Amino acid sequence: MDIGIIGLGRMGGNIARRLLRGGHKCVVLDRNQDAVKDVAGAGGLASKDSADMLKKLKAPRAVWLMLPAGEITEKVLAEVAAEMSTGDILIDGGNSFYKDDIRRARTLRAKGINYVDVGTSGGVWGLERGYCMMIGGDQDIVAHLDPIFACLAPGLGKIDRTPGREKRDPRAEHGYVHCGPAGSGHFAKMIHNGIEYGLMQAYAEGFDILRNKSSEALPEDERFTFDMADLAEVWRRGSVISSWLLDLCAIALTRDSDLKTFTGSVADSGEGRWTVEAAIEEAVPADVLTTALYTRFRSRRDHTYAEKLLSAMRYEFGGHVEQKK
């Protein structure tokens, strides 16, 4: 299938490469010409602007935006839409706010342009592991794009199949799912990221308690000195708290159990706040997720070992570097 990809950063570039490996035609665009040249070297077709990109795509033309949420996505989306024709498709695979998706879909529908939002999880590991995708948009358009989603998704892999799923949508088992109308994909991804905050906080606090068990403030016979990397490793194997986040903890702690390269100043990229806002709108208690978000706020003033591990996990799964004051 033909697809245009705008934004070749940490995830966008690898999305293009994975699609190219799967035999799809990718026309790419980015302000960073080195990124464009890199993907072009892997088989992508470079474009100089959105108009040039659209000329190189077959109708109905599909363009995937992989840009930071907010102003830049709005600006580029408007520029691309102005060049599109009836039946063309705009896809936002970034972390946009779901209410923006609903507004965009309504506006673009009036112009005959289809809009799809894709909550995309996989970080810097997606090229090899594949991307978990939560998709919002019209059913027919999502079905048309299925070859793209199927190529980007992880597939069945080695994960045990869930009993009783035989008659359910097989796409979920392969790592992607059509959630519903425009906005539903990013809403599901928003909650995914809110849960991520809580899981990360639980690991971070647990390892912080382990590390401080050697404190001189404790009675001598109650002091233990744990090997953090070894505990992370053993919990990965057969434990009920095993997960990919724990895998990333093991990587970071094996590299440096003191996490000296991290200050513990933990950023939040927006989805955690939106998740808490949604909980307030729905009057749903979200004690853990709210506390995890507030802990990130506090971490920018007072750092602990727990925050260092949070920073380490964010670096491992997404290549996120700590914010400088």
C-alpha atoms as a PDB file:
ATOM      1  CA  MET A   1       0.000   0.000   0.000  1.00  0.00           C
ATOM      2  CA  ASP A   2       1.046   3.627  -0.519  1.00  0.00           C
ATOM      3  CA  ILE A   3       1.318   5.846   2.554  1.00  0.00           C
ATOM      4  CA  GLY A   4       2.859   9.207   3.360  1.00  0.00           C
ATOM      5  CA  ILE A   5       4.577   9.676   6.710  1.00  0.00           C
ATOM      6  CA  ILE A   6       5.265  13.126   8.147  1.00  0.00           C
ATOM      7  CA  GLY A   7       7.531  13.185  11.182  1.00  0.00           C
ATOM      8  CA  LEU A   8      10.523  10.865  11.262  1.00  0.00           C
ATOM      9  CA  GLY A   9      11.540  11.161  14.895  1.00  0.00           C
ATOM     10  CA  ARG A  10      12.035   8.342  17.419  1.00  0.00           C
ATOM     11  CA  MET A  11       8.849   6.542  16.397  1.00  0.00           C
ATOM     12  CA  GLY A  12       7.924   7.955  12.981  1.00  0.00           C
ATOM     13  CA  GLY A  13      11.197   6.928  11.369  1.00  0.00           C
ATOM     14  CA  ASN A  14      10.882   3.373  12.645  1.00  0.00           C
ATOM     15  CA  ILE A  15       7.244   3.165  11.563  1.00  0.00           C
ATOM     16  CA  ALA A  16       8.378   4.028   8.039  1.00  0.00           C
ATOM     17  CA  ARG A  17      11.193   1.465   8.169  1.00  0.00           C
ATOM     18  CA  ARG A  18       8.888  -1.299   9.405  1.00  0.00           C
ATOM     19  CA  LEU A  19       6.405  -0.569   6.620  1.00  0.00           C
ATOM     20  CA  LEU A  20       9.188  -0.557   4.037  1.00  0.00           C
ATOM     21  CA  ARG A  21      10.353  -3.942   5.320  1.00  0.00           C
ATOM     22  CA  GLY A  22       6.793  -5.163   4.820  1.00  0.00           C
ATOM     23  CA  GLY A  23       6.770  -4.118   1.174  1.00  0.00           C
ATOM     24  CA  HIS A  24       4.740  -0.917   1.448  1.00  0.00           C
ATOM     25  CA  LYS A  25       5.592   2.297  -0.397  1.00  0.00           C
ATOM     26  CA  CYS A  26       6.432   5.127   2.010  1.00  0.00           C
ATOM     27  CA  VAL A  27       6.696   8.745   0.910  1.00  0.00           C
ATOM     28  CA  VAL A  28       8.351  10.635   3.770  1.00  0.00           C
ATOM     29  CA  LEU A  29       8.705  14.221   4.960  1.00  0.00           C
ATOM     30  CA  ASP A  30      10.481  15.863   7.886  1.00  0.00           C
ATOM     31  CA  ARG A  31      12.156  19.204   8.626  1.00  0.00           C
ATOM     32  CA  ASN A  32      15.286  17.218   9.487  1.00  0.00           C
ATOM     33  CA  GLN A  33      16.772  16.353   6.109  1.00  0.00           C
ATOM     34  CA  ASP A  34      19.181  13.859   7.653  1.00  0.00           C
ATOM     35  CA  ALA A  35      16.180  11.877   8.918  1.00  0.00           C
ATOM     36  CA  VAL A  36      14.629  11.986   5.439  1.00  0.00           C
ATOM     37  CA  LYS A  37      17.862  10.797   3.832  1.00  0.00           C
ATOM     38  CA  ASP A  38      18.174   7.991   6.374  1.00  0.00           C
ATOM     39  CA  VAL A  39      14.696   6.607   5.628  1.00  0.00           C
ATOM     40  CA  ALA A  40      15.171   7.183   1.902  1.00  0.00           C
ATOM     41  CA  GLY A  41      18.305   5.057   2.170  1.00  0.00           C
ATOM     42  CA  ALA A  42      16.116   2.249   3.512  1.00  0.00           C
ATOM     43  CA  GLY A  43      13.842   2.469   0.483  1.00  0.00           C
ATOM     44  CA  GLY A  44      11.577   5.399   1.309  1.00  0.00           C
ATOM     45  CA  LEU A  45      10.710   8.100  -1.221  1.00  0.00           C
ATOM     46  CA  ALA A  46      11.631  11.622  -0.105  1.00  0.00           C
ATOM     47  CA  SER A  47       9.286  14.580  -0.612  1.00  0.00           C
ATOM     48  CA  LYS A  48       9.979  18.296  -0.340  1.00  0.00           C
ATOM     49  CA  ASP A  49       6.582  19.335   1.050  1.00  0.00           C
ATOM     50  CA  SER A  50       3.041  18.035   1.590  1.00  0.00           C
ATOM     51  CA  ALA A  51       1.946  18.900  -1.949  1.00  0.00           C
ATOM     52  CA  ASP A  52       4.892  16.984  -3.376  1.00  0.00           C
ATOM     53  CA  MET A  53       4.109  14.059  -1.068  1.00  0.00           C
ATOM     54  CA  LEU A  54       0.505  13.848  -2.232  1.00  0.00           C
ATOM     55  CA  LYS A  55       1.560  13.884  -5.901  1.00  0.00           C
ATOM     56  CA  LYS A  56       3.613  10.736  -5.236  1.00  0.00           C
ATOM     57  CA  LEU A  57       0.760   8.779  -3.612  1.00  0.00           C
ATOM     58  CA  LYS A  58      -2.035   6.789  -5.226  1.00  0.00           C
ATOM     59  CA  ALA A  59      -5.668   7.717  -4.536  1.00  0.00           C
ATOM     60  CA  PRO A  60      -7.226   7.490  -2.075  1.00  0.00           C
ATOM     61  CA  ARG A  61      -4.129   9.058  -0.564  1.00  0.00           C
ATOM     62  CA  ALA A  62      -3.294   8.281   3.057  1.00  0.00           C
ATOM     63  CA  VAL A  63      -0.931  10.433   5.136  1.00  0.00           C
ATOM     64  CA  TRP A  64       0.195   9.440   8.654  1.00  0.00           C
ATOM     65  CA  LEU A  65       1.306  12.263  10.970  1.00  0.00           C
ATOM     66  CA  MET A  66       3.753  11.252  13.700  1.00  0.00           C
ATOM     67  CA  LEU A  67       4.352  14.609  15.376  1.00  0.00           C
ATOM     68  CA  PRO A  68       4.213  16.027  18.924  1.00  0.00           C
ATOM     69  CA  ALA A  69       0.660  16.677  20.104  1.00  0.00           C
ATOM     70  CA  GLY A  70      -0.557  20.236  20.001  1.00  0.00           C
ATOM     71  CA  GLU A  71       0.304  23.209  17.817  1.00  0.00           C
ATOM     72  CA  ILE A  72       2.673  21.514  15.375  1.00  0.00           C
ATOM     73  CA  THR A  73       0.214  18.676  14.654  1.00  0.00           C
ATOM     74  CA  GLU A  74      -2.620  21.174  14.139  1.00  0.00           C
ATOM     75  CA  LYS A  75      -0.486  23.268  11.777  1.00  0.00           C
ATOM     76  CA  VAL A  76       0.737  20.379   9.639  1.00  0.00           C
ATOM     77  CA  LEU A  77      -2.669  18.704   9.588  1.00  0.00           C
ATOM     78  CA  ALA A  78      -4.239  21.901   8.228  1.00  0.00           C
ATOM     79  CA  GLU A  79      -1.508  22.232   5.585  1.00  0.00           C
ATOM     80  CA  VAL A  80      -1.941  18.647   4.372  1.00  0.00           C
ATOM     81  CA  ALA A  81      -5.746  18.807   4.438  1.00  0.00           C
ATOM     82  CA  ALA A  82      -5.670  21.931   2.255  1.00  0.00           C
ATOM     83  CA  GLU A  83      -3.933  19.888  -0.476  1.00  0.00           C
ATOM     84  CA  MET A  84      -6.165  16.798  -0.167  1.00  0.00           C
ATOM     85  CA  SER A  85      -9.142  15.694  -2.233  1.00  0.00           C
ATOM     86  CA  THR A  86     -12.412  13.947  -1.413  1.00  0.00           C
ATOM     87  CA  GLY A  87     -11.790  10.414  -0.187  1.00  0.00           C
ATOM     88  CA  ASP A  88      -8.246  11.027   1.042  1.00  0.00           C
ATOM     89  CA  ILE A  89      -7.268   9.924   4.556  1.00  0.00           C
ATOM     90  CA  LEU A  90      -5.433  11.767   7.337  1.00  0.00           C
ATOM     91  CA  ILE A  91      -4.046   9.660  10.200  1.00  0.00           C
ATOM     92  CA  ASP A  92      -2.700  11.052  13.469  1.00  0.00           C
ATOM     93  CA  GLY A  93      -0.532   8.442  15.188  1.00  0.00           C
ATOM     94  CA  GLY A  94       0.852  10.761  17.865  1.00  0.00           C
ATOM     95  CA  ASN A  95      -0.497  11.382  21.361  1.00  0.00           C
ATOM     96  CA  SER A  96      -3.172  13.961  20.546  1.00  0.00           C
ATOM     97  CA  PHE A  97      -6.011  14.782  22.924  1.00  0.00           C
ATOM     98  CA  TYR A  98      -9.097  12.784  21.932  1.00  0.00           C
ATOM     99  CA  LYS A  99     -11.414  15.819  21.937  1.00  0.00           C
ATOM    100  CA  ASP A 100      -9.163  17.388  19.296  1.00  0.00           C
ATOM    101  CA  ASP A 101      -9.673  14.248  17.204  1.00  0.00           C
ATOM    102  CA  ILE A 102     -13.451  14.589  17.423  1.00  0.00           C
ATOM    103  CA  ARG A 103     -13.243  18.223  16.287  1.00  0.00           C
ATOM    104  CA  ARG A 104     -10.837  17.439  13.451  1.00  0.00           C
ATOM    105  CA  ALA A 105     -12.911  14.529  12.179  1.00  0.00           C
ATOM    106  CA  ARG A 106     -16.028  16.709  12.074  1.00  0.00           C
ATOM    107  CA  THR A 107     -14.228  19.516  10.219  1.00  0.00           C
ATOM    108  CA  LEU A 108     -12.520  17.213   7.722  1.00  0.00           C
ATOM    109  CA  ARG A 109     -15.682  15.181   7.090  1.00  0.00           C
ATOM    110  CA  ALA A 110     -17.356  18.349   5.823  1.00  0.00           C
ATOM    111  CA  LYS A 111     -14.570  18.553   3.207  1.00  0.00           C
ATOM    112  CA  GLY A 112     -14.880  14.889   2.245  1.00  0.00           C
ATOM    113  CA  ILE A 113     -11.611  13.935   3.961  1.00  0.00           C
ATOM    114  CA  ASN A 114     -11.456  10.915   6.260  1.00  0.00           C
ATOM    115  CA  TYR A 115      -9.755  11.145   9.647  1.00  0.00           C
ATOM    116  CA  VAL A 116      -8.299   8.296  11.708  1.00  0.00           C
ATOM    117  CA  ASP A 117      -6.628   8.539  15.122  1.00  0.00           C
ATOM    118  CA  VAL A 118      -4.164   5.850  16.162  1.00  0.00           C
ATOM    119  CA  GLY A 119      -2.962   5.534  19.732  1.00  0.00           C
ATOM    120  CA  THR A 120       0.462   4.018  19.134  1.00  0.00           C
ATOM    121  CA  SER A 121       2.474   2.204  21.802  1.00  0.00           C
ATOM    122  CA  GLY A 122       5.883   0.634  21.329  1.00  0.00           C
ATOM    123  CA  GLY A 123       8.381   3.442  21.740  1.00  0.00           C
ATOM    124  CA  VAL A 124      11.864   3.086  20.330  1.00  0.00           C
ATOM    125  CA  TRP A 125      11.512  -0.716  20.341  1.00  0.00           C
ATOM    126  CA  GLY A 126       8.672  -0.773  17.818  1.00  0.00           C
ATOM    127  CA  LEU A 127      10.794  -1.406  14.735  1.00  0.00           C
ATOM    128  CA  GLU A 128      11.652  -4.905  15.937  1.00  0.00           C
ATOM    129  CA  ARG A 129       8.829  -5.663  18.396  1.00  0.00           C
ATOM    130  CA  GLY A 130       5.993  -4.034  16.466  1.00  0.00           C
ATOM    131  CA  TYR A 131       3.481  -1.429  17.635  1.00  0.00           C
ATOM    132  CA  CYS A 132       0.367  -1.920  19.733  1.00  0.00           C
ATOM    133  CA  MET A 133      -2.326   0.270  18.151  1.00  0.00           C
ATOM    134  CA  MET A 134      -5.702   1.540  19.335  1.00  0.00           C
ATOM    135  CA  ILE A 135      -7.592   2.953  16.347  1.00  0.00           C
ATOM    136  CA  GLY A 136     -10.491   5.389  16.033  1.00  0.00           C
ATOM    137  CA  GLY A 137     -12.374   6.214  12.838  1.00  0.00           C
ATOM    138  CA  ASP A 138     -15.003   5.013  10.368  1.00  0.00           C
ATOM    139  CA  GLN A 139     -15.100   1.249  10.058  1.00  0.00           C
ATOM    140  CA  ASP A 140     -14.716   1.201   6.269  1.00  0.00           C
ATOM    141  CA  ILE A 141     -11.659   3.470   6.339  1.00  0.00           C
ATOM    142  CA  VAL A 142     -10.008   1.483   9.118  1.00  0.00           C
ATOM    143  CA  ALA A 143     -10.633  -1.702   7.108  1.00  0.00           C
ATOM    144  CA  HIS A 144      -9.052  -0.066   4.034  1.00  0.00           C
ATOM    145  CA  LEU A 145      -5.930   0.713   6.093  1.00  0.00           C
ATOM    146  CA  ASP A 146      -5.739  -2.784   7.576  1.00  0.00           C
ATOM    147  CA  PRO A 147      -2.617  -3.804   5.572  1.00  0.00           C
ATOM    148  CA  ILE A 148      -0.748  -0.891   7.195  1.00  0.00           C
ATOM    149  CA  PHE A 149      -1.882  -1.749  10.711  1.00  0.00           C
ATOM    150  CA  ALA A 150      -1.240  -5.469  10.244  1.00  0.00           C
ATOM    151  CA  CYS A 151       2.320  -4.742   9.098  1.00  0.00           C
ATOM    152  CA  LEU A 152       3.065  -2.428  12.021  1.00  0.00           C
ATOM    153  CA  ALA A 153       1.515  -4.685  14.676  1.00  0.00           C
ATOM    154  CA  PRO A 154       3.549  -7.304  16.577  1.00  0.00           C
ATOM    155  CA  GLY A 155       1.439 -10.268  15.449  1.00  0.00           C
ATOM    156  CA  LEU A 156       0.644 -13.300  17.597  1.00  0.00           C
ATOM    157  CA  GLY A 157       4.284 -13.803  18.569  1.00  0.00           C
ATOM    158  CA  LYS A 158       5.001 -16.146  21.464  1.00  0.00           C
ATOM    159  CA  ILE A 159       2.335 -14.850  23.836  1.00  0.00           C
ATOM    160  CA  ASP A 160      -0.071 -17.529  25.044  1.00  0.00           C
ATOM    161  CA  ARG A 161      -3.491 -17.158  23.438  1.00  0.00           C
ATOM    162  CA  THR A 162      -6.347 -16.176  25.746  1.00  0.00           C
ATOM    163  CA  PRO A 163      -8.866 -19.043  26.132  1.00  0.00           C
ATOM    164  CA  GLY A 164     -12.302 -18.293  24.691  1.00  0.00           C
ATOM    165  CA  ARG A 165     -11.252 -15.697  22.112  1.00  0.00           C
ATOM    166  CA  GLU A 166     -11.937 -17.927  19.092  1.00  0.00           C
ATOM    167  CA  LYS A 167     -15.040 -16.000  17.965  1.00  0.00           C
ATOM    168  CA  ARG A 168     -13.799 -12.515  18.836  1.00  0.00           C
ATOM    169  CA  ASP A 169     -12.049  -9.901  16.656  1.00  0.00           C
ATOM    170  CA  PRO A 170      -8.701 -11.510  15.707  1.00  0.00           C
ATOM    171  CA  ARG A 171      -6.981  -8.139  15.285  1.00  0.00           C
ATOM    172  CA  ALA A 172      -6.640  -7.657  19.045  1.00  0.00           C
ATOM    173  CA  GLU A 173      -4.552 -10.834  19.298  1.00  0.00           C
ATOM    174  CA  HIS A 174      -2.253  -9.442  16.629  1.00  0.00           C
ATOM    175  CA  GLY A 175      -1.713  -6.175  18.500  1.00  0.00           C
ATOM    176  CA  TYR A 176      -4.202  -3.693  17.032  1.00  0.00           C
ATOM    177  CA  VAL A 177      -7.891  -2.979  17.489  1.00  0.00           C
ATOM    178  CA  HIS A 178     -10.590  -0.713  16.078  1.00  0.00           C
ATOM    179  CA  CYS A 179     -11.933   0.989  19.203  1.00  0.00           C
ATOM    180  CA  GLY A 180     -14.788   2.960  17.630  1.00  0.00           C
ATOM    181  CA  PRO A 181     -15.377   6.413  16.087  1.00  0.00           C
ATOM    182  CA  ALA A 182     -12.853   9.239  15.834  1.00  0.00           C
ATOM    183  CA  GLY A 183     -11.250  10.025  19.172  1.00  0.00           C
ATOM    184  CA  SER A 184     -11.742   6.572  20.675  1.00  0.00           C
ATOM    185  CA  GLY A 185      -8.270   5.384  19.677  1.00  0.00           C
ATOM    186  CA  HIS A 186      -6.487   8.240  21.375  1.00  0.00           C
ATOM    187  CA  PHE A 187      -8.815   8.005  24.378  1.00  0.00           C
ATOM    188  CA  ALA A 188      -7.859   4.337  24.843  1.00  0.00           C
ATOM    189  CA  LYS A 189      -4.160   5.218  24.449  1.00  0.00           C
ATOM    190  CA  MET A 190      -4.587   8.041  26.967  1.00  0.00           C
ATOM    191  CA  ILE A 191      -5.899   5.602  29.576  1.00  0.00           C
ATOM    192  CA  HIS A 192      -3.114   3.155  28.603  1.00  0.00           C
ATOM    193  CA  ASN A 193      -0.570   5.849  29.443  1.00  0.00           C
ATOM    194  CA  GLY A 194      -2.349   6.719  32.682  1.00  0.00           C
ATOM    195  CA  ILE A 195      -2.105   3.054  33.722  1.00  0.00           C
ATOM    196  CA  GLU A 196       1.538   3.112  32.663  1.00  0.00           C
ATOM    197  CA  TYR A 197       2.148   5.932  35.161  1.00  0.00           C
ATOM    198  CA  GLY A 198       0.694   3.824  37.973  1.00  0.00           C
ATOM    199  CA  LEU A 199       2.619   0.666  37.059  1.00  0.00           C
ATOM    200  CA  MET A 200       5.881   2.558  36.778  1.00  0.00           C
ATOM    201  CA  GLN A 201       5.281   4.244  40.130  1.00  0.00           C
ATOM    202  CA  ALA A 202       4.665   0.882  41.825  1.00  0.00           C
ATOM    203  CA  TYR A 203       7.948  -0.557  40.540  1.00  0.00           C
ATOM    204  CA  ALA A 204       9.825   2.636  41.403  1.00  0.00           C
ATOM    205  CA  GLU A 205       8.548   2.791  44.986  1.00  0.00           C
ATOM    206  CA  GLY A 206       9.116  -0.926  45.560  1.00  0.00           C
ATOM    207  CA  PHE A 207      12.743  -0.762  44.480  1.00  0.00           C
ATOM    208  CA  ASP A 208      13.231   2.403  46.536  1.00  0.00           C
ATOM    209  CA  ILE A 209      12.043   0.555  49.679  1.00  0.00           C
ATOM    210  CA  LEU A 210      14.399  -2.335  48.873  1.00  0.00           C
ATOM    211  CA  ARG A 211      17.345  -0.001  48.401  1.00  0.00           C
ATOM    212  CA  ASN A 212      16.727   1.810  51.692  1.00  0.00           C
ATOM    213  CA  LYS A 213      16.560  -1.412  53.694  1.00  0.00           C
ATOM    214  CA  SER A 214      20.299  -0.978  54.302  1.00  0.00           C
ATOM    215  CA  SER A 215      19.738   2.371  56.043  1.00  0.00           C
ATOM    216  CA  GLU A 216      21.737   3.002  59.193  1.00  0.00           C
ATOM    217  CA  ALA A 217      18.538   4.325  60.754  1.00  0.00           C
ATOM    218  CA  LEU A 218      17.326   0.717  61.037  1.00  0.00           C
ATOM    219  CA  PRO A 219      18.446  -1.777  63.704  1.00  0.00           C
ATOM    220  CA  GLU A 220      21.586  -3.505  62.473  1.00  0.00           C
ATOM    221  CA  ASP A 221      20.053  -6.977  62.342  1.00  0.00           C
ATOM    222  CA  GLU A 222      17.169  -5.635  60.211  1.00  0.00           C
ATOM    223  CA  ARG A 223      19.407  -4.160  57.532  1.00  0.00           C
ATOM    224  CA  PHE A 224      19.629  -5.962  54.192  1.00  0.00           C
ATOM    225  CA  THR A 225      21.646  -4.986  51.143  1.00  0.00           C
ATOM    226  CA  PHE A 226      19.867  -6.165  48.022  1.00  0.00           C
ATOM    227  CA  ASP A 227      21.287  -6.528  44.533  1.00  0.00           C
ATOM    228  CA  MET A 228      18.709  -4.532  42.591  1.00  0.00           C
ATOM    229  CA  ALA A 229      19.617  -5.926  39.190  1.00  0.00           C
ATOM    230  CA  ASP A 230      19.350  -9.504  40.441  1.00  0.00           C
ATOM    231  CA  LEU A 231      15.938  -8.907  42.035  1.00  0.00           C
ATOM    232  CA  ALA A 232      14.627  -7.295  38.852  1.00  0.00           C
ATOM    233  CA  GLU A 233      15.971 -10.260  36.911  1.00  0.00           C
ATOM    234  CA  VAL A 234      14.481 -12.953  39.145  1.00  0.00           C
ATOM    235  CA  TRP A 235      11.076 -11.229  39.159  1.00  0.00           C
ATOM    236  CA  ARG A 236      11.075 -11.352  35.362  1.00  0.00           C
ATOM    237  CA  ARG A 237      11.003 -15.158  35.513  1.00  0.00           C
ATOM    238  CA  GLY A 238       7.805 -16.774  36.735  1.00  0.00           C
ATOM    239  CA  SER A 239       6.748 -13.875  38.974  1.00  0.00           C
ATOM    240  CA  VAL A 240       3.205 -12.477  38.991  1.00  0.00           C
ATOM    241  CA  ILE A 241       4.657  -8.960  38.646  1.00  0.00           C
ATOM    242  CA  SER A 242       6.638  -9.711  35.499  1.00  0.00           C
ATOM    243  CA  SER A 243       6.094  -7.257  32.617  1.00  0.00           C
ATOM    244  CA  TRP A 244       7.912  -5.393  29.876  1.00  0.00           C
ATOM    245  CA  LEU A 245       8.374  -2.460  32.242  1.00  0.00           C
ATOM    246  CA  LEU A 246      10.122  -4.814  34.657  1.00  0.00           C
ATOM    247  CA  ASP A 247      12.287  -6.000  31.749  1.00  0.00           C
ATOM    248  CA  LEU A 248      13.290  -2.374  31.216  1.00  0.00           C
ATOM    249  CA  CYS A 249      14.031  -1.969  34.938  1.00  0.00           C
ATOM    250  CA  ALA A 250      16.339  -4.989  34.702  1.00  0.00           C
ATOM    251  CA  ILE A 251      18.162  -3.452  31.737  1.00  0.00           C
ATOM    252  CA  ALA A 252      18.646  -0.119  33.504  1.00  0.00           C
ATOM    253  CA  LEU A 253      19.672  -1.640  36.853  1.00  0.00           C
ATOM    254  CA  THR A 254      22.123  -4.073  35.242  1.00  0.00           C
ATOM    255  CA  ARG A 255      23.741  -1.147  33.491  1.00  0.00           C
ATOM    256  CA  ASP A 256      24.025   0.855  36.751  1.00  0.00           C
ATOM    257  CA  SER A 257      22.185  -0.161  39.927  1.00  0.00           C
ATOM    258  CA  ASP A 258      22.740   3.310  41.437  1.00  0.00           C
ATOM    259  CA  LEU A 259      21.254   5.018  38.342  1.00  0.00           C
ATOM    260  CA  LYS A 260      23.913   7.704  38.531  1.00  0.00           C
ATOM    261  CA  THR A 261      23.122   9.088  35.078  1.00  0.00           C
ATOM    262  CA  PHE A 262      19.598  10.087  36.169  1.00  0.00           C
ATOM    263  CA  THR A 263      18.622  12.978  38.452  1.00  0.00           C
ATOM    264  CA  GLY A 264      15.080  11.780  39.078  1.00  0.00           C
ATOM    265  CA  SER A 265      13.339  14.772  37.480  1.00  0.00           C
ATOM    266  CA  VAL A 266      10.435  12.983  35.776  1.00  0.00           C
ATOM    267  CA  ALA A 267       8.466  14.635  32.982  1.00  0.00           C
ATOM    268  CA  ASP A 268       4.848  13.957  32.088  1.00  0.00           C
ATOM    269  CA  SER A 269       3.867  14.159  28.436  1.00  0.00           C
ATOM    270  CA  GLY A 270       0.203  15.093  28.860  1.00  0.00           C
ATOM    271  CA  GLU A 271      -1.706  11.811  28.739  1.00  0.00           C
ATOM    272  CA  GLY A 272      -1.518  11.300  32.509  1.00  0.00           C
ATOM    273  CA  ARG A 273      -3.116  14.698  33.104  1.00  0.00           C
ATOM    274  CA  TRP A 274      -5.815  14.004  30.507  1.00  0.00           C
ATOM    275  CA  THR A 275      -6.537  10.643  32.143  1.00  0.00           C
ATOM    276  CA  VAL A 276      -7.103  12.321  35.508  1.00  0.00           C
ATOM    277  CA  GLU A 277      -9.280  14.981  33.848  1.00  0.00           C
ATOM    278  CA  ALA A 278     -11.379  12.220  32.247  1.00  0.00           C
ATOM    279  CA  ALA A 279     -11.747  10.514  35.626  1.00  0.00           C
ATOM    280  CA  ILE A 280     -12.999  13.802  37.112  1.00  0.00           C
ATOM    281  CA  GLU A 281     -15.481  14.298  34.235  1.00  0.00           C
ATOM    282  CA  GLU A 282     -16.793  10.752  34.738  1.00  0.00           C
ATOM    283  CA  ALA A 283     -16.676  10.920  38.576  1.00  0.00           C
ATOM    284  CA  VAL A 284     -14.508   7.790  38.580  1.00  0.00           C
ATOM    285  CA  PRO A 285     -12.069   7.418  41.515  1.00  0.00           C
ATOM    286  CA  ALA A 286      -8.503   7.122  40.226  1.00  0.00           C
ATOM    287  CA  ASP A 287      -6.392   7.205  43.389  1.00  0.00           C
ATOM    288  CA  VAL A 288      -3.293   5.427  42.038  1.00  0.00           C
ATOM    289  CA  LEU A 289      -3.140   7.183  38.680  1.00  0.00           C
ATOM    290  CA  THR A 290      -3.671  10.628  40.234  1.00  0.00           C
ATOM    291  CA  THR A 291      -0.995  10.027  42.868  1.00  0.00           C
ATOM    292  CA  ALA A 292       1.450   8.783  40.229  1.00  0.00           C
ATOM    293  CA  LEU A 293       0.908  11.977  38.232  1.00  0.00           C
ATOM    294  CA  TYR A 294       1.380  14.195  41.288  1.00  0.00           C
ATOM    295  CA  THR A 295       4.565  12.315  42.167  1.00  0.00           C
ATOM    296  CA  ARG A 296       6.006  13.350  38.814  1.00  0.00           C
ATOM    297  CA  PHE A 297       5.207  16.972  39.635  1.00  0.00           C
ATOM    298  CA  ARG A 298       6.951  16.631  43.000  1.00  0.00           C
ATOM    299  CA  SER A 299       9.955  14.879  41.435  1.00  0.00           C
ATOM    300  CA  ARG A 300      10.971  18.105  39.727  1.00  0.00           C
ATOM    301  CA  ARG A 301      11.591  19.644  43.138  1.00  0.00           C
ATOM    302  CA  ASP A 302      12.786  16.752  45.303  1.00  0.00           C
ATOM    303  CA  HIS A 303      14.358  13.613  43.804  1.00  0.00           C
ATOM    304  CA  THR A 304      14.515  10.077  45.204  1.00  0.00           C
ATOM    305  CA  TYR A 305      15.826   6.773  43.932  1.00  0.00           C
ATOM    306  CA  ALA A 306      12.262   5.966  42.874  1.00  0.00           C
ATOM    307  CA  GLU A 307      12.233   8.944  40.523  1.00  0.00           C
ATOM    308  CA  LYS A 308      15.579   7.907  39.081  1.00  0.00           C
ATOM    309  CA  LEU A 309      14.078   4.520  38.221  1.00  0.00           C
ATOM    310  CA  LEU A 310      11.042   6.221  36.683  1.00  0.00           C
ATOM    311  CA  SER A 311      13.404   8.270  34.509  1.00  0.00           C
ATOM    312  CA  ALA A 312      15.366   5.147  33.623  1.00  0.00           C
ATOM    313  CA  MET A 313      12.199   3.316  32.498  1.00  0.00           C
ATOM    314  CA  ARG A 314      11.083   6.288  30.373  1.00  0.00           C
ATOM    315  CA  TYR A 315      14.506   6.359  28.731  1.00  0.00           C
ATOM    316  CA  GLU A 316      14.469   2.623  28.036  1.00  0.00           C
ATOM    317  CA  PHE A 317      11.017   2.410  26.427  1.00  0.00           C
ATOM    318  CA  GLY A 318      10.832   5.771  24.711  1.00  0.00           C
ATOM    319  CA  GLY A 319      14.282   7.313  24.564  1.00  0.00           C
ATOM    320  CA  HIS A 320      12.999  10.149  26.785  1.00  0.00           C
ATOM    321  CA  VAL A 321      15.759  12.260  28.334  1.00  0.00           C
ATOM    322  CA  GLU A 322      15.286  14.177  31.535  1.00  0.00           C
ATOM    323  CA  GLN A 323      14.194  17.780  31.329  1.00  0.00           C
ATOM    324  CA  LYS A 324      16.813  20.344  32.238  1.00  0.00           C
ATOM    325  CA  LYS A 325      15.822  22.999  34.739  1.00  0.00           C
END
